[in-house]
Amino acid sequence: MTADVPERLVRDMGCTPADLVRWMPAAVGNQPLRWTDSGCEVTLLEGRSVRFTWQVLAPRRIALMRIERLQLEIAFTGCDAETRRLFLAQFDAYTRRGGG
């Protein structure tokens, strides 16, 4: 059984904006990317797209460790549930490598 992926979701990610920008091409399966002032948009086939916007959050501190964080919003347009699930699985497999 797989969980349904909503059309809009928000995540707290342990990375910097530079990390996310560097990861994004591979994380979205090398789909065409269009960068905007507030994030980026991935264009899928047949008018479907995925928009990513983020803002920097205060770092998380655990003892002497400091983890940079982003609030990442992912918004799907024109994507059915299966397309959302497959796209997010690709994104998660790349950005959560190593269990992070």
PDB file of N, CA and C in Angstrom:
ATOM      1  N   MET A   1       0.839  -1.184   0.000  1.00  0.00           N
ATOM      2  CA  MET A   1       0.000   0.000   0.000  1.00  0.00           C
ATOM      3  C   MET A   1       0.882   1.246   0.000  1.00  0.00           C
ATOM      4  N   THR A   2       0.557   2.211  -0.880  1.00  0.00           N
ATOM      5  CA  THR A   2       1.329   3.438  -0.939  1.00  0.00           C
ATOM      6  C   THR A   2       0.467   4.606  -0.490  1.00  0.00           C
ATOM      7  N   ALA A   3       1.089   5.558   0.154  1.00  0.00           N
ATOM      8  CA  ALA A   3       0.366   6.735   0.633  1.00  0.00           C
ATOM      9  C   ALA A   3       0.089   7.675  -0.537  1.00  0.00           C
ATOM     10  N   ASP A   4      -1.058   8.333  -0.494  1.00  0.00           N
ATOM     11  CA  ASP A   4      -1.403   9.309  -1.514  1.00  0.00           C
ATOM     12  C   ASP A   4      -0.570  10.564  -1.291  1.00  0.00           C
ATOM     13  N   VAL A   5      -0.026  11.113  -2.357  1.00  0.00           N
ATOM     14  CA  VAL A   5       0.759  12.339  -2.292  1.00  0.00           C
ATOM     15  C   VAL A   5      -0.179  13.503  -2.611  1.00  0.00           C
ATOM     16  N   PRO A   6      -0.333  14.466  -1.687  1.00  0.00           N
ATOM     17  CA  PRO A   6      -1.226  15.594  -1.950  1.00  0.00           C
ATOM     18  C   PRO A   6      -0.682  16.501  -3.057  1.00  0.00           C
ATOM     19  N   GLU A   7      -1.521  17.384  -3.566  1.00  0.00           N
ATOM     20  CA  GLU A   7      -1.096  18.311  -4.619  1.00  0.00           C
ATOM     21  C   GLU A   7      -0.135  19.373  -4.099  1.00  0.00           C
ATOM     22  N   ARG A   8      -0.139  19.603  -2.802  1.00  0.00           N
ATOM     23  CA  ARG A   8       0.787  20.565  -2.182  1.00  0.00           C
ATOM     24  C   ARG A   8       1.266  19.984  -0.871  1.00  0.00           C
ATOM     25  N   LEU A   9       2.580  20.010  -0.664  1.00  0.00           N
ATOM     26  CA  LEU A   9       3.113  19.569   0.614  1.00  0.00           C
ATOM     27  C   LEU A   9       4.272  20.464   1.024  1.00  0.00           C
ATOM     28  N   VAL A  10       4.526  20.512   2.313  1.00  0.00           N
ATOM     29  CA  VAL A  10       5.588  21.340   2.877  1.00  0.00           C
ATOM     30  C   VAL A  10       6.490  20.434   3.693  1.00  0.00           C
ATOM     31  N   ARG A  11       7.797  20.617   3.507  1.00  0.00           N
ATOM     32  CA  ARG A  11       8.780  19.800   4.221  1.00  0.00           C
ATOM     33  C   ARG A  11       9.830  20.674   4.876  1.00  0.00           C
ATOM     34  N   ASP A  12      10.356  20.187   5.966  1.00  0.00           N
ATOM     35  CA  ASP A  12      11.504  20.776   6.640  1.00  0.00           C
ATOM     36  C   ASP A  12      12.699  19.945   6.191  1.00  0.00           C
ATOM     37  N   MET A  13      13.630  20.562   5.466  1.00  0.00           N
ATOM     38  CA  MET A  13      14.773  19.820   4.929  1.00  0.00           C
ATOM     39  C   MET A  13      16.064  20.301   5.565  1.00  0.00           C
ATOM     40  N   GLY A  14      16.932  19.373   5.878  1.00  0.00           N
ATOM     41  CA  GLY A  14      18.220  19.688   6.474  1.00  0.00           C
ATOM     42  C   GLY A  14      19.266  19.955   5.405  1.00  0.00           C
ATOM     43  N   CYS A  15      19.223  21.163   4.814  1.00  0.00           N
ATOM     44  CA  CYS A  15      20.187  21.536   3.779  1.00  0.00           C
ATOM     45  C   CYS A  15      20.190  23.057   3.631  1.00  0.00           C
ATOM     46  N   THR A  16      21.092  23.555   2.829  1.00  0.00           N
ATOM     47  CA  THR A  16      21.153  24.976   2.511  1.00  0.00           C
ATOM     48  C   THR A  16      20.532  25.201   1.136  1.00  0.00           C
ATOM     49  N   PRO A  17      20.217  26.448   0.790  1.00  0.00           N
ATOM     50  CA  PRO A  17      19.730  26.709  -0.572  1.00  0.00           C
ATOM     51  C   PRO A  17      20.732  26.243  -1.635  1.00  0.00           C
ATOM     52  N   ALA A  18      22.030  26.445  -1.386  1.00  0.00           N
ATOM     53  CA  ALA A  18      23.042  26.010  -2.353  1.00  0.00           C
ATOM     54  C   ALA A  18      23.026  24.492  -2.535  1.00  0.00           C
ATOM     55  N   ASP A  19      22.829  23.750  -1.446  1.00  0.00           N
ATOM     56  CA  ASP A  19      22.719  22.291  -1.544  1.00  0.00           C
ATOM     57  C   ASP A  19      21.546  21.915  -2.440  1.00  0.00           C
ATOM     58  N   LEU A  20      20.389  22.509  -2.179  1.00  0.00           N
ATOM     59  CA  LEU A  20      19.187  22.170  -2.936  1.00  0.00           C
ATOM     60  C   LEU A  20      19.349  22.505  -4.419  1.00  0.00           C
ATOM     61  N   VAL A  21      19.908  23.661  -4.719  1.00  0.00           N
ATOM     62  CA  VAL A  21      20.142  24.050  -6.116  1.00  0.00           C
ATOM     63  C   VAL A  21      21.067  23.047  -6.799  1.00  0.00           C
ATOM     64  N   ARG A  22      22.095  22.621  -6.111  1.00  0.00           N
ATOM     65  CA  ARG A  22      23.048  21.654  -6.675  1.00  0.00           C
ATOM     66  C   ARG A  22      22.395  20.294  -6.896  1.00  0.00           C
ATOM     67  N   TRP A  23      21.533  19.877  -5.972  1.00  0.00           N
ATOM     68  CA  TRP A  23      20.882  18.565  -6.063  1.00  0.00           C
ATOM     69  C   TRP A  23      19.745  18.518  -7.070  1.00  0.00           C
ATOM     70  N   MET A  24      19.100  19.667  -7.302  1.00  0.00           N
ATOM     71  CA  MET A  24      17.823  19.685  -8.006  1.00  0.00           C
ATOM     72  C   MET A  24      17.830  18.977  -9.365  1.00  0.00           C
ATOM     73  N   PRO A  25      18.783  19.200 -10.273  1.00  0.00           N
ATOM     74  CA  PRO A  25      18.697  18.510 -11.573  1.00  0.00           C
ATOM     75  C   PRO A  25      18.590  16.988 -11.443  1.00  0.00           C
ATOM     76  N   ALA A  26      19.431  16.378 -10.645  1.00  0.00           N
ATOM     77  CA  ALA A  26      19.372  14.916 -10.485  1.00  0.00           C
ATOM     78  C   ALA A  26      18.155  14.496  -9.663  1.00  0.00           C
ATOM     79  N   ALA A  27      17.777  15.296  -8.686  1.00  0.00           N
ATOM     80  CA  ALA A  27      16.651  14.941  -7.821  1.00  0.00           C
ATOM     81  C   ALA A  27      15.329  14.900  -8.571  1.00  0.00           C
ATOM     82  N   VAL A  28      15.222  15.659  -9.666  1.00  0.00           N
ATOM     83  CA  VAL A  28      13.982  15.668 -10.449  1.00  0.00           C
ATOM     84  C   VAL A  28      14.112  14.833 -11.715  1.00  0.00           C
ATOM     85  N   GLY A  29      15.103  13.951 -11.739  1.00  0.00           N
ATOM     86  CA  GLY A  29      15.259  13.050 -12.882  1.00  0.00           C
ATOM     87  C   GLY A  29      15.660  13.757 -14.156  1.00  0.00           C
ATOM     88  N   ASN A  30      16.425  14.836 -14.030  1.00  0.00           N
ATOM     89  CA  ASN A  30      16.898  15.615 -15.169  1.00  0.00           C
ATOM     90  C   ASN A  30      15.783  16.128 -16.071  1.00  0.00           C
ATOM     91  N   GLN A  31      14.609  16.401 -15.479  1.00  0.00           N
ATOM     92  CA  GLN A  31      13.508  17.046 -16.188  1.00  0.00           C
ATOM     93  C   GLN A  31      13.871  18.521 -16.391  1.00  0.00           C
ATOM     94  N   PRO A  32      13.279  19.181 -17.395  1.00  0.00           N
ATOM     95  CA  PRO A  32      13.581  20.610 -17.615  1.00  0.00           C
ATOM     96  C   PRO A  32      13.224  21.452 -16.387  1.00  0.00           C
ATOM     97  N   LEU A  33      14.177  22.290 -15.976  1.00  0.00           N
ATOM     98  CA  LEU A  33      14.008  23.183 -14.819  1.00  0.00           C
ATOM     99  C   LEU A  33      13.966  24.633 -15.287  1.00  0.00           C
ATOM    100  N   ARG A  34      13.100  25.418 -14.673  1.00  0.00           N
ATOM    101  CA  ARG A  34      13.066  26.865 -14.904  1.00  0.00           C
ATOM    102  C   ARG A  34      13.216  27.524 -13.545  1.00  0.00           C
ATOM    103  N   TRP A  35      14.300  28.277 -13.375  1.00  0.00           N
ATOM    104  CA  TRP A  35      14.569  28.929 -12.093  1.00  0.00           C
ATOM    105  C   TRP A  35      13.813  30.244 -12.025  1.00  0.00           C
ATOM    106  N   THR A  36      13.254  30.543 -10.852  1.00  0.00           N
ATOM    107  CA  THR A  36      12.534  31.786 -10.616  1.00  0.00           C
ATOM    108  C   THR A  36      13.175  32.494  -9.429  1.00  0.00           C
ATOM    109  N   ASP A  37      12.681  33.687  -9.128  1.00  0.00           N
ATOM    110  CA  ASP A  37      13.203  34.428  -7.971  1.00  0.00           C
ATOM    111  C   ASP A  37      12.945  33.700  -6.665  1.00  0.00           C
ATOM    112  N   SER A  38      11.866  32.918  -6.619  1.00  0.00           N
ATOM    113  CA  SER A  38      11.478  32.282  -5.358  1.00  0.00           C
ATOM    114  C   SER A  38      11.706  30.775  -5.323  1.00  0.00           C
ATOM    115  N   GLY A  39      12.290  30.199  -6.363  1.00  0.00           N
ATOM    116  CA  GLY A  39      12.510  28.751  -6.383  1.00  0.00           C
ATOM    117  C   GLY A  39      12.733  28.242  -7.780  1.00  0.00           C
ATOM    118  N   CYS A  40      12.022  27.175  -8.143  1.00  0.00           N
ATOM    119  CA  CYS A  40      12.139  26.639  -9.490  1.00  0.00           C
ATOM    120  C   CYS A  40      10.877  25.872  -9.851  1.00  0.00           C
ATOM    121  N   GLU A  41      10.717  25.636 -11.149  1.00  0.00           N
ATOM    122  CA  GLU A  41       9.579  24.878 -11.646  1.00  0.00           C
ATOM    123  C   GLU A  41      10.099  23.801 -12.579  1.00  0.00           C
ATOM    124  N   VAL A  42       9.556  22.603 -12.424  1.00  0.00           N
ATOM    125  CA  VAL A  42       9.908  21.465 -13.261  1.00  0.00           C
ATOM    126  C   VAL A  42       8.737  21.236 -14.202  1.00  0.00           C
ATOM    127  N   THR A  43       9.022  21.185 -15.495  1.00  0.00           N
ATOM    128  CA  THR A  43       7.980  20.953 -16.481  1.00  0.00           C
ATOM    129  C   THR A  43       7.975  19.487 -16.864  1.00  0.00           C
ATOM    130  N   LEU A  44       6.828  18.852 -16.677  1.00  0.00           N
ATOM    131  CA  LEU A  44       6.640  17.468 -17.082  1.00  0.00           C
ATOM    132  C   LEU A  44       5.870  17.475 -18.399  1.00  0.00           C
ATOM    133  N   LEU A  45       5.559  16.339 -18.931  1.00  0.00           N
ATOM    134  CA  LEU A  45       4.831  16.254 -20.193  1.00  0.00           C
ATOM    135  C   LEU A  45       3.388  16.715 -20.054  1.00  0.00           C
ATOM    136  N   GLU A  46       2.799  17.135 -21.169  1.00  0.00           N
ATOM    137  CA  GLU A  46       1.369  17.411 -21.275  1.00  0.00           C
ATOM    138  C   GLU A  46       0.855  18.446 -20.273  1.00  0.00           C
ATOM    139  N   GLY A  47       1.587  19.541 -20.097  1.00  0.00           N
ATOM    140  CA  GLY A  47       1.122  20.623 -19.244  1.00  0.00           C
ATOM    141  C   GLY A  47       1.206  20.385 -17.751  1.00  0.00           C
ATOM    142  N   ARG A  48       1.847  19.324 -17.341  1.00  0.00           N
ATOM    143  CA  ARG A  48       1.994  19.053 -15.910  1.00  0.00           C
ATOM    144  C   ARG A  48       3.279  19.716 -15.411  1.00  0.00           C
ATOM    145  N   SER A  49       3.242  20.176 -14.169  1.00  0.00           N
ATOM    146  CA  SER A  49       4.445  20.805 -13.619  1.00  0.00           C
ATOM    147  C   SER A  49       4.500  20.614 -12.106  1.00  0.00           C
ATOM    148  N   VAL A  50       5.694  20.866 -11.583  1.00  0.00           N
ATOM    149  CA  VAL A  50       5.929  20.807 -10.140  1.00  0.00           C
ATOM    150  C   VAL A  50       6.701  22.071  -9.784  1.00  0.00           C
ATOM    151  N   ARG A  51       6.173  22.828  -8.823  1.00  0.00           N
ATOM    152  CA  ARG A  51       6.821  24.066  -8.397  1.00  0.00           C
ATOM    153  C   ARG A  51       7.433  23.864  -7.020  1.00  0.00           C
ATOM    154  N   PHE A  52       8.671  24.282  -6.873  1.00  0.00           N
ATOM    155  CA  PHE A  52       9.390  24.228  -5.595  1.00  0.00           C
ATOM    156  C   PHE A  52       9.671  25.654  -5.153  1.00  0.00           C
ATOM    157  N   THR A  53       9.274  25.983  -3.937  1.00  0.00           N
ATOM    158  CA  THR A  53       9.664  27.259  -3.335  1.00  0.00           C
ATOM    159  C   THR A  53      10.208  26.959  -1.945  1.00  0.00           C
ATOM    160  N   TRP A  54      11.129  27.797  -1.502  1.00  0.00           N
ATOM    161  CA  TRP A  54      11.718  27.534  -0.189  1.00  0.00           C
ATOM    162  C   TRP A  54      12.055  28.826   0.526  1.00  0.00           C
ATOM    163  N   GLN A  55      12.183  28.669   1.821  1.00  0.00           N
ATOM    164  CA  GLN A  55      12.678  29.763   2.653  1.00  0.00           C
ATOM    165  C   GLN A  55      13.613  29.165   3.694  1.00  0.00           C
ATOM    166  N   VAL A  56      14.598  29.944   4.056  1.00  0.00           N
ATOM    167  CA  VAL A  56      15.589  29.506   5.033  1.00  0.00           C
ATOM    168  C   VAL A  56      14.975  29.573   6.425  1.00  0.00           C
ATOM    169  N   LEU A  57      15.153  28.510   7.184  1.00  0.00           N
ATOM    170  CA  LEU A  57      14.707  28.446   8.576  1.00  0.00           C
ATOM    171  C   LEU A  57      15.911  28.574   9.498  1.00  0.00           C
ATOM    172  N   ALA A  58      15.655  28.823  10.753  1.00  0.00           N
ATOM    173  CA  ALA A  58      16.735  28.859  11.743  1.00  0.00           C
ATOM    174  C   ALA A  58      17.376  27.475  11.817  1.00  0.00           C
ATOM    175  N   PRO A  59      18.686  27.417  11.979  1.00  0.00           N
ATOM    176  CA  PRO A  59      19.348  26.112  12.084  1.00  0.00           C
ATOM    177  C   PRO A  59      18.847  25.321  13.282  1.00  0.00           C
ATOM    178  N   ARG A  60      18.870  24.022  13.150  1.00  0.00           N
ATOM    179  CA  ARG A  60      18.535  23.136  14.271  1.00  0.00           C
ATOM    180  C   ARG A  60      19.851  22.842  14.990  1.00  0.00           C
ATOM    181  N   ARG A  61      19.815  22.965  16.294  1.00  0.00           N
ATOM    182  CA  ARG A  61      21.019  22.700  17.092  1.00  0.00           C
ATOM    183  C   ARG A  61      20.763  21.498  17.984  1.00  0.00           C
ATOM    184  N   ILE A  62      21.690  20.561  17.924  1.00  0.00           N
ATOM    185  CA  ILE A  62      21.652  19.373  18.771  1.00  0.00           C
ATOM    186  C   ILE A  62      23.034  19.283  19.407  1.00  0.00           C
ATOM    187  N   ALA A  63      23.090  19.579  20.685  1.00  0.00           N
ATOM    188  CA  ALA A  63      24.377  19.679  21.400  1.00  0.00           C
ATOM    189  C   ALA A  63      25.250  20.682  20.644  1.00  0.00           C
ATOM    190  N   LEU A  64      26.434  20.262  20.186  1.00  0.00           N
ATOM    191  CA  LEU A  64      27.320  21.169  19.463  1.00  0.00           C
ATOM    192  C   LEU A  64      27.101  21.130  17.950  1.00  0.00           C
ATOM    193  N   MET A  65      26.194  20.283  17.491  1.00  0.00           N
ATOM    194  CA  MET A  65      25.942  20.139  16.065  1.00  0.00           C
ATOM    195  C   MET A  65      24.928  21.188  15.601  1.00  0.00           C
ATOM    196  N   ARG A  66      25.138  21.700  14.399  1.00  0.00           N
ATOM    197  CA  ARG A  66      24.246  22.695  13.805  1.00  0.00           C
ATOM    198  C   ARG A  66      23.827  22.183  12.423  1.00  0.00           C
ATOM    199  N   ILE A  67      22.517  22.092  12.195  1.00  0.00           N
ATOM    200  CA  ILE A  67      21.993  21.601  10.919  1.00  0.00           C
ATOM    201  C   ILE A  67      21.227  22.731  10.245  1.00  0.00           C
ATOM    202  N   GLU A  68      21.706  23.147   9.074  1.00  0.00           N
ATOM    203  CA  GLU A  68      21.002  24.178   8.312  1.00  0.00           C
ATOM    204  C   GLU A  68      19.671  23.599   7.833  1.00  0.00           C
ATOM    205  N   ARG A  69      18.640  24.461   7.738  1.00  0.00           N
ATOM    206  CA  ARG A  69      17.310  23.974   7.358  1.00  0.00           C
ATOM    207  C   ARG A  69      16.623  24.894   6.365  1.00  0.00           C
ATOM    208  N   LEU A  70      15.784  24.272   5.547  1.00  0.00           N
ATOM    209  CA  LEU A  70      14.906  24.984   4.633  1.00  0.00           C
ATOM    210  C   LEU A  70      13.483  24.488   4.838  1.00  0.00           C
ATOM    211  N   GLN A  71      12.531  25.364   4.650  1.00  0.00           N
ATOM    212  CA  GLN A  71      11.144  24.926   4.519  1.00  0.00           C
ATOM    213  C   GLN A  71      10.889  24.867   3.021  1.00  0.00           C
ATOM    214  N   LEU A  72      10.607  23.703   2.519  1.00  0.00           N
ATOM    215  CA  LEU A  72      10.411  23.484   1.095  1.00  0.00           C
ATOM    216  C   LEU A  72       8.949  23.196   0.819  1.00  0.00           C
ATOM    217  N   GLU A  73       8.354  23.979  -0.075  1.00  0.00           N
ATOM    218  CA  GLU A  73       6.982  23.716  -0.521  1.00  0.00           C
ATOM    219  C   GLU A  73       7.053  23.115  -1.915  1.00  0.00           C
ATOM    220  N   ILE A  74       6.335  22.012  -2.103  1.00  0.00           N
ATOM    221  CA  ILE A  74       6.252  21.331  -3.387  1.00  0.00           C
ATOM    222  C   ILE A  74       4.794  21.374  -3.816  1.00  0.00           C
ATOM    223  N   ALA A  75       4.534  21.977  -4.976  1.00  0.00           N
ATOM    224  CA  ALA A  75       3.154  22.111  -5.466  1.00  0.00           C
ATOM    225  C   ALA A  75       3.051  21.504  -6.863  1.00  0.00           C
ATOM    226  N   PHE A  76       2.163  20.529  -7.016  1.00  0.00           N
ATOM    227  CA  PHE A  76       1.939  19.851  -8.289  1.00  0.00           C
ATOM    228  C   PHE A  76       0.775  20.520  -9.020  1.00  0.00           C
ATOM    229  N   THR A  77       0.914  20.681 -10.334  1.00  0.00           N
ATOM    230  CA  THR A  77      -0.161  21.217 -11.165  1.00  0.00           C
ATOM    231  C   THR A  77      -0.439  20.233 -12.291  1.00  0.00           C
ATOM    232  N   GLY A  78      -1.696  19.821 -12.404  1.00  0.00           N
ATOM    233  CA  GLY A  78      -2.106  18.935 -13.490  1.00  0.00           C
ATOM    234  C   GLY A  78      -1.603  17.511 -13.382  1.00  0.00           C
ATOM    235  N   CYS A  79      -1.142  17.101 -12.226  1.00  0.00           N
ATOM    236  CA  CYS A  79      -0.566  15.763 -12.035  1.00  0.00           C
ATOM    237  C   CYS A  79      -1.551  14.855 -11.313  1.00  0.00           C
ATOM    238  N   ASP A  80      -1.750  13.655 -11.840  1.00  0.00           N
ATOM    239  CA  ASP A  80      -2.607  12.697 -11.143  1.00  0.00           C
ATOM    240  C   ASP A  80      -1.837  12.083  -9.970  1.00  0.00           C
ATOM    241  N   ALA A  81      -2.529  11.318  -9.162  1.00  0.00           N
ATOM    242  CA  ALA A  81      -1.942  10.757  -7.937  1.00  0.00           C
ATOM    243  C   ALA A  81      -0.719   9.889  -8.231  1.00  0.00           C
ATOM    244  N   GLU A  82      -0.768   9.086  -9.283  1.00  0.00           N
ATOM    245  CA  GLU A  82       0.359   8.201  -9.607  1.00  0.00           C
ATOM    246  C   GLU A  82       1.578   9.014 -10.060  1.00  0.00           C
ATOM    247  N   THR A  83       1.365  10.054 -10.859  1.00  0.00           N
ATOM    248  CA  THR A  83       2.469  10.921 -11.285  1.00  0.00           C
ATOM    249  C   THR A  83       3.105  11.592 -10.083  1.00  0.00           C
ATOM    250  N   ARG A  84       2.284  12.091  -9.161  1.00  0.00           N
ATOM    251  CA  ARG A  84       2.816  12.722  -7.941  1.00  0.00           C
ATOM    252  C   ARG A  84       3.629  11.723  -7.130  1.00  0.00           C
ATOM    253  N   ARG A  85       3.109  10.518  -6.974  1.00  0.00           N
ATOM    254  CA  ARG A  85       3.795   9.492  -6.188  1.00  0.00           C
ATOM    255  C   ARG A  85       5.143   9.136  -6.809  1.00  0.00           C
ATOM    256  N   LEU A  86       5.174   8.911  -8.114  1.00  0.00           N
ATOM    257  CA  LEU A  86       6.421   8.541  -8.791  1.00  0.00           C
ATOM    258  C   LEU A  86       7.445   9.671  -8.750  1.00  0.00           C
ATOM    259  N   PHE A  87       6.984  10.903  -8.983  1.00  0.00           N
ATOM    260  CA  PHE A  87       7.892  12.047  -8.962  1.00  0.00           C
ATOM    261  C   PHE A  87       8.496  12.215  -7.573  1.00  0.00           C
ATOM    262  N   LEU A  88       7.654  12.154  -6.546  1.00  0.00           N
ATOM    263  CA  LEU A  88       8.142  12.334  -5.184  1.00  0.00           C
ATOM    264  C   LEU A  88       9.067  11.190  -4.766  1.00  0.00           C
ATOM    265  N   ALA A  89       8.804   9.982  -5.234  1.00  0.00           N
ATOM    266  CA  ALA A  89       9.693   8.855  -4.922  1.00  0.00           C
ATOM    267  C   ALA A  89      11.092   9.118  -5.481  1.00  0.00           C
ATOM    268  N   GLN A  90      11.186   9.644  -6.710  1.00  0.00           N
ATOM    269  CA  GLN A  90      12.478   9.983  -7.325  1.00  0.00           C
ATOM    270  C   GLN A  90      13.171  11.079  -6.514  1.00  0.00           C
ATOM    271  N   PHE A  91      12.420  12.121  -6.182  1.00  0.00           N
ATOM    272  CA  PHE A  91      12.973  13.244  -5.424  1.00  0.00           C
ATOM    273  C   PHE A  91      13.483  12.780  -4.063  1.00  0.00           C
ATOM    274  N   ASP A  92      12.673  11.992  -3.369  1.00  0.00           N
ATOM    275  CA  ASP A  92      13.057  11.485  -2.049  1.00  0.00           C
ATOM    276  C   ASP A  92      14.260  10.555  -2.114  1.00  0.00           C
ATOM    277  N   ALA A  93      14.299   9.687  -3.111  1.00  0.00           N
ATOM    278  CA  ALA A  93      15.427   8.757  -3.235  1.00  0.00           C
ATOM    279  C   ALA A  93      16.736   9.531  -3.374  1.00  0.00           C
ATOM    280  N   TYR A  94      16.715  10.653  -4.050  1.00  0.00           N
ATOM    281  CA  TYR A  94      17.931  11.423  -4.228  1.00  0.00           C
ATOM    282  C   TYR A  94      18.245  12.288  -3.007  1.00  0.00           C
ATOM    283  N   THR A  95      17.260  13.012  -2.498  1.00  0.00           N
ATOM    284  CA  THR A  95      17.545  13.959  -1.413  1.00  0.00           C
ATOM    285  C   THR A  95      17.688  13.300  -0.051  1.00  0.00           C
ATOM    286  N   ARG A  96      17.195  12.088   0.105  1.00  0.00           N
ATOM    287  CA  ARG A  96      17.314  11.408   1.397  1.00  0.00           C
ATOM    288  C   ARG A  96      18.381  10.327   1.394  1.00  0.00           C
ATOM    289  N   ARG A  97      19.258  10.353   0.427  1.00  0.00           N
ATOM    290  CA  ARG A  97      20.313   9.345   0.369  1.00  0.00           C
ATOM    291  C   ARG A  97      21.116   9.368   1.667  1.00  0.00           C
ATOM    292  N   GLY A  98      21.506   8.243   2.106  1.00  0.00           N
ATOM    293  CA  GLY A  98      22.246   8.159   3.359  1.00  0.00           C
ATOM    294  C   GLY A  98      21.352   8.297   4.576  1.00  0.00           C
ATOM    295  N   GLY A  99      20.039   8.221   4.374  1.00  0.00           N
ATOM    296  CA  GLY A  99      19.118   8.284   5.503  1.00  0.00           C
ATOM    297  C   GLY A  99      18.787   9.676   5.964  1.00  0.00           C
ATOM    298  N   GLY A 100      19.352  10.728   5.318  1.00  0.00           N
ATOM    299  CA  GLY A 100      19.157  12.096   5.762  1.00  0.00           C
ATOM    300  C   GLY A 100      17.877  12.673   5.356  1.00  0.00           C
TER     301      GLY A 100
END
